[in-house]
C-alpha atoms as a PDB file:
ATOM      1  CA  MET A   1    -133.532  78.280 -26.815  1.00  0.00           C
ATOM      2  CA  ASN A   2    -130.325  76.993 -25.210  1.00  0.00           C
ATOM      3  CA  ASN A   3    -129.324  73.874 -27.145  1.00  0.00           C
ATOM      4  CA  TYR A   4    -132.920  72.759 -27.762  1.00  0.00           C
ATOM      5  CA  THR A   5    -134.268  72.215 -31.260  1.00  0.00           C
ATOM      6  CA  ILE A   6    -137.916  72.342 -32.337  1.00  0.00           C
ATOM      7  CA  ILE A   7    -138.531  69.721 -35.008  1.00  0.00           C
ATOM      8  CA  LYS A   8    -141.502  69.345 -37.299  1.00  0.00           C
ATOM      9  CA  LEU A   9    -141.943  65.595 -37.701  1.00  0.00           C
ATOM     10  CA  SER A  10    -142.749  65.894 -41.395  1.00  0.00           C
ATOM     11  CA  ASP A  11    -139.175  67.184 -41.761  1.00  0.00           C
ATOM     12  CA  LYS A  12    -137.724  64.262 -39.775  1.00  0.00           C
ATOM     13  CA  PRO A  13    -139.821  61.147 -40.469  1.00  0.00           C
ATOM     14  CA  GLU A  14    -137.179  58.965 -38.846  1.00  0.00           C
ATOM     15  CA  LEU A  15    -138.481  60.251 -35.482  1.00  0.00           C
ATOM     16  CA  ARG A  16    -141.957  58.799 -36.131  1.00  0.00           C
ATOM     17  CA  GLU A  17    -141.842  55.889 -33.683  1.00  0.00           C
ATOM     18  CA  LYS A  18    -139.844  57.731 -31.036  1.00  0.00           C
ATOM     19  CA  ALA A  19    -142.307  60.640 -31.089  1.00  0.00           C
ATOM     20  CA  ALA A  20    -145.380  58.390 -31.031  1.00  0.00           C
ATOM     21  CA  SER A  21    -143.938  56.484 -28.061  1.00  0.00           C
ATOM     22  CA  TYR A  22    -143.197  59.761 -26.301  1.00  0.00           C
ATOM     23  CA  PHE A  23    -146.739  61.114 -26.683  1.00  0.00           C
ATOM     24  CA  HIS A  24    -148.176  57.713 -25.700  1.00  0.00           C
ATOM     25  CA  SER A  25    -146.039  57.642 -22.533  1.00  0.00           C
ATOM     26  CA  VAL A  26    -147.129  61.161 -21.554  1.00  0.00           C
ATOM     27  CA  TRP A  27    -150.845  61.064 -22.376  1.00  0.00           C
ATOM     28  CA  LYS A  28    -151.614  57.307 -22.177  1.00  0.00           C
ATOM     29  CA  ASN A  29    -153.682  57.358 -25.369  1.00  0.00           C
ATOM     30  CA  PRO A  30    -153.237  54.321 -27.630  1.00  0.00           C
ATOM     31  CA  LEU A  31    -149.858  54.204 -29.361  1.00  0.00           C
ATOM     32  CA  ASP A  32    -151.577  53.337 -32.649  1.00  0.00           C
ATOM     33  CA  ALA A  33    -153.602  56.560 -32.486  1.00  0.00           C
ATOM     34  CA  TYR A  34    -150.383  58.594 -32.410  1.00  0.00           C
ATOM     35  CA  LEU A  35    -148.773  56.460 -35.107  1.00  0.00           C
ATOM     36  CA  ASP A  36    -151.815  56.880 -37.363  1.00  0.00           C
ATOM     37  CA  SER A  37    -151.920  60.649 -36.853  1.00  0.00           C
ATOM     38  CA  ILE A  38    -148.173  61.007 -37.392  1.00  0.00           C
ATOM     39  CA  ASP A  39    -148.453  58.858 -40.529  1.00  0.00           C
ATOM     40  CA  SER A  40    -151.125  61.240 -41.826  1.00  0.00           C
ATOM     41  CA  CYS A  41    -148.776  64.118 -41.076  1.00  0.00           C
ATOM     42  CA  LEU A  42    -145.933  62.413 -42.929  1.00  0.00           C
ATOM     43  CA  SER A  43    -148.071  61.676 -45.981  1.00  0.00           C
ATOM     44  CA  GLN A  44    -148.112  65.432 -46.744  1.00  0.00           C
ATOM     45  CA  LYS A  45    -151.638  65.180 -48.176  1.00  0.00           C
ATOM     46  CA  ALA A  46    -152.967  67.906 -45.880  1.00  0.00           C
ATOM     47  CA  ALA A  47    -151.662  70.586 -43.550  1.00  0.00           C
ATOM     48  CA  VAL A  48    -153.442  68.976 -40.584  1.00  0.00           C
ATOM     49  CA  PRO A  49    -152.457  66.932 -38.654  1.00  0.00           C
ATOM     50  CA  GLN A  50    -148.932  68.084 -37.820  1.00  0.00           C
ATOM     51  CA  TRP A  51    -146.670  66.963 -34.987  1.00  0.00           C
ATOM     52  CA  TYR A  52    -143.680  68.651 -33.378  1.00  0.00           C
ATOM     53  CA  VAL A  53    -141.094  67.690 -30.771  1.00  0.00           C
ATOM     54  CA  VAL A  54    -138.409  69.592 -28.922  1.00  0.00           C
ATOM     55  CA  MET A  55    -135.104  67.776 -28.767  1.00  0.00           C
ATOM     56  CA  LYS A  56    -132.163  68.219 -26.446  1.00  0.00           C
ATOM     57  CA  GLU A  57    -129.427  66.179 -28.039  1.00  0.00           C
ATOM     58  CA  SER A  58    -131.146  62.871 -28.857  1.00  0.00           C
ATOM     59  CA  HIS A  59    -133.895  63.164 -26.217  1.00  0.00           C
ATOM     60  CA  ILE A  60    -137.436  64.451 -26.684  1.00  0.00           C
ATOM     61  CA  ILE A  61    -138.113  66.918 -23.890  1.00  0.00           C
ATOM     62  CA  ALA A  62    -141.373  68.455 -25.150  1.00  0.00           C
ATOM     63  CA  GLY A  63    -143.904  68.238 -27.922  1.00  0.00           C
ATOM     64  CA  LEU A  64    -147.331  68.987 -29.292  1.00  0.00           C
ATOM     65  CA  GLY A  65    -149.605  68.272 -32.207  1.00  0.00           C
ATOM     66  CA  VAL A  66    -152.081  70.074 -34.421  1.00  0.00           C
ATOM     67  CA  ILE A  67    -155.276  68.147 -35.146  1.00  0.00           C
ATOM     68  CA  GLU A  68    -158.732  69.015 -36.467  1.00  0.00           C
ATOM     69  CA  ASN A  69    -160.511  68.761 -33.099  1.00  0.00           C
ATOM     70  CA  ASP A  70    -159.142  67.953 -29.659  1.00  0.00           C
ATOM     71  CA  PHE A  71    -162.180  65.940 -28.577  1.00  0.00           C
ATOM     72  CA  HIS A  72    -164.525  68.773 -27.655  1.00  0.00           C
ATOM     73  CA  MET A  73    -168.003  69.720 -28.838  1.00  0.00           C
ATOM     74  CA  ARG A  74    -167.017  72.942 -30.665  1.00  0.00           C
ATOM     75  CA  THR A  75    -166.102  71.257 -33.952  1.00  0.00           C
ATOM     76  CA  ASP A  76    -166.323  74.649 -35.683  1.00  0.00           C
ATOM     77  CA  LEU A  77    -163.141  75.690 -33.846  1.00  0.00           C
ATOM     78  CA  THR A  78    -160.410  74.103 -35.930  1.00  0.00           C
ATOM     79  CA  PRO A  79    -157.529  73.255 -36.078  1.00  0.00           C
ATOM     80  CA  ASN A  80    -156.572  72.561 -32.468  1.00  0.00           C
ATOM     81  CA  ILE A  81    -153.206  72.380 -30.811  1.00  0.00           C
ATOM     82  CA  CYS A  82    -153.124  69.249 -28.673  1.00  0.00           C
ATOM     83  CA  ALA A  83    -150.879  67.142 -26.464  1.00  0.00           C
ATOM     84  CA  VAL A  84    -148.815  70.112 -25.260  1.00  0.00           C
ATOM     85  CA  TYR A  85    -146.222  68.840 -22.836  1.00  0.00           C
ATOM     86  CA  VAL A  86    -142.826  69.872 -21.488  1.00  0.00           C
ATOM     87  CA  GLU A  87    -140.864  67.488 -19.291  1.00  0.00           C
ATOM     88  CA  GLU A  88    -140.971  68.712 -15.703  1.00  0.00           C
ATOM     89  CA  LYS A  89    -137.247  69.365 -15.338  1.00  0.00           C
ATOM     90  CA  TYR A  90    -137.336  71.627 -18.430  1.00  0.00           C
ATOM     91  CA  ARG A  91    -140.311  73.747 -17.386  1.00  0.00           C
ATOM     92  CA  ASN A  92    -140.111  77.476 -16.593  1.00  0.00           C
ATOM     93  CA  ARG A  93    -137.497  78.029 -19.302  1.00  0.00           C
ATOM     94  CA  GLY A  94    -139.797  79.443 -21.974  1.00  0.00           C
ATOM     95  CA  ILE A  95    -139.843  76.210 -23.989  1.00  0.00           C
ATOM     96  CA  ALA A  96    -143.645  75.930 -24.159  1.00  0.00           C
ATOM     97  CA  LYS A  97    -144.028  79.547 -25.256  1.00  0.00           C
ATOM     98  CA  LYS A  98    -141.386  79.184 -27.983  1.00  0.00           C
ATOM     99  CA  MET A  99    -142.821  75.862 -29.117  1.00  0.00           C
ATOM    100  CA  LEU A 100    -146.341  77.313 -29.342  1.00  0.00           C
ATOM    101  CA  GLN A 101    -145.153  80.346 -31.302  1.00  0.00           C
ATOM    102  CA  PHE A 102    -143.119  78.134 -33.651  1.00  0.00           C
ATOM    103  CA  VAL A 103    -146.212  76.075 -34.407  1.00  0.00           C
ATOM    104  CA  CYS A 104    -148.441  79.134 -34.838  1.00  0.00           C
ATOM    105  CA  ASP A 105    -145.934  80.601 -37.305  1.00  0.00           C
ATOM    106  CA  ASP A 106    -145.550  77.284 -39.114  1.00  0.00           C
ATOM    107  CA  MET A 107    -149.306  76.764 -39.472  1.00  0.00           C
ATOM    108  CA  GLN A 108    -149.663  80.188 -41.128  1.00  0.00           C
ATOM    109  CA  LYS A 109    -147.771  78.885 -44.177  1.00  0.00           C
ATOM    110  CA  PRO A 110    -150.575  76.514 -45.264  1.00  0.00           C
ATOM    111  CA  GLY A 111    -153.225  79.124 -44.430  1.00  0.00           C
ATOM    112  CA  PHE A 112    -154.110  78.661 -40.761  1.00  0.00           C
ATOM    113  CA  PRO A 113    -153.609  82.068 -39.070  1.00  0.00           C
ATOM    114  CA  ILE A 114    -156.031  81.089 -36.289  1.00  0.00           C
ATOM    115  CA  LEU A 115    -155.470  78.101 -34.002  1.00  0.00           C
ATOM    116  CA  TYR A 116    -157.433  76.818 -31.007  1.00  0.00           C
ATOM    117  CA  LEU A 117    -156.423  74.975 -27.875  1.00  0.00           C
ATOM    118  CA  ILE A 118    -158.469  73.333 -25.127  1.00  0.00           C
ATOM    119  CA  THR A 119    -157.134  73.078 -21.594  1.00  0.00           C
ATOM    120  CA  ASP A 120    -157.917  73.084 -17.897  1.00  0.00           C
ATOM    121  CA  HIS A 121    -155.131  75.627 -17.211  1.00  0.00           C
ATOM    122  CA  ALA A 122    -156.542  78.985 -16.171  1.00  0.00           C
ATOM    123  CA  SER A 123    -153.762  81.483 -16.961  1.00  0.00           C
ATOM    124  CA  PHE A 124    -150.750  79.782 -18.528  1.00  0.00           C
ATOM    125  CA  TYR A 125    -151.799  80.246 -22.143  1.00  0.00           C
ATOM    126  CA  GLU A 126    -152.542  83.950 -21.664  1.00  0.00           C
ATOM    127  CA  LYS A 127    -148.860  84.324 -20.719  1.00  0.00           C
ATOM    128  CA  CYS A 128    -148.005  82.647 -24.029  1.00  0.00           C
ATOM    129  CA  GLY A 129    -150.040  85.123 -26.086  1.00  0.00           C
ATOM    130  CA  TRP A 130    -153.316  83.214 -26.343  1.00  0.00           C
ATOM    131  CA  ASP A 131    -156.780  84.643 -25.631  1.00  0.00           C
ATOM    132  CA  PHE A 132    -159.553  82.897 -23.711  1.00  0.00           C
ATOM    133  CA  LEU A 133    -162.458  82.330 -26.117  1.00  0.00           C
ATOM    134  CA  CYS A 134    -165.121  80.229 -24.399  1.00  0.00           C
ATOM    135  CA  MET A 135    -165.874  77.065 -22.472  1.00  0.00           C
ATOM    136  CA  SER A 136    -166.558  73.799 -24.283  1.00  0.00           C
ATOM    137  CA  GLN A 137    -167.686  70.348 -23.272  1.00  0.00           C
ATOM    138  CA  CYS A 138    -165.081  67.656 -23.817  1.00  0.00           C
ATOM    139  CA  THR A 139    -166.337  64.414 -25.302  1.00  0.00           C
ATOM    140  CA  ASP A 140    -164.725  62.295 -22.565  1.00  0.00           C
ATOM    141  CA  ALA A 141    -165.162  64.462 -19.463  1.00  0.00           C
ATOM    142  CA  PRO A 142    -168.150  65.711 -17.477  1.00  0.00           C
ATOM    143  CA  GLN A 143    -166.711  69.195 -16.893  1.00  0.00           C
ATOM    144  CA  MET A 144    -166.318  72.070 -19.300  1.00  0.00           C
ATOM    145  CA  SER A 145    -162.820  73.070 -20.417  1.00  0.00           C
ATOM    146  CA  ARG A 146    -161.339  76.382 -21.456  1.00  0.00           C
ATOM    147  CA  VAL A 147    -160.877  77.098 -25.161  1.00  0.00           C
ATOM    148  CA  TYR A 148    -158.151  79.502 -26.213  1.00  0.00           C
ATOM    149  CA  VAL A 149    -157.522  81.137 -29.567  1.00  0.00           C
ATOM    150  CA  HIS A 150    -154.335  82.466 -31.150  1.00  0.00           C
ATOM    151  CA  LYS A 151    -154.479  84.785 -34.149  1.00  0.00           C
ATOM    152  CA  ASN A 152    -151.310  85.606 -36.070  1.00  0.00           C
END
C-alpha cells in the first residue's frame, strides 16, 4: 500500500488520543464518545468495538471503526463498520478498499465473518466487495440509508 500502514488501535494504545481527535475532527461527534469507544476497544474485554487508522509516517490519513450499531433501526444487523474516511488527497489509491478488507479479515478472528455498513454512497462499496442488503432508517436523519453486507 505504498508506505502506508494499517494499525489496529488495540495493538498501539499510544495512538488513543491522536485517533480520537482525528475521528472527532472528521465526523464532528463528541471527542469523549470516541475516547470512550476506543477505551472499550483497548480494554480487550470484547471483540467489538475496534478502531483502526492508516498511517503515513506519523500522520493519520484514514480510519474506521467497528461498533455494534451505527445508529440505524436495524439493530439485528451487527457489528457495523463506521466512520470510514480517507483524507481527500489520498483518495483513489485503493486505501479504503484495503482498509475495509483488512478489517473484515481481522474481525473473522474473533468470529465475525459478516459485517454491515450504513452509508449514503450508492456504488462505492460494491467496488470494494460489499453487497447492498436493504435500506434502513437512521436514528438521527429523516431519510433512509443504504445498508451493505460483507461476508468472508
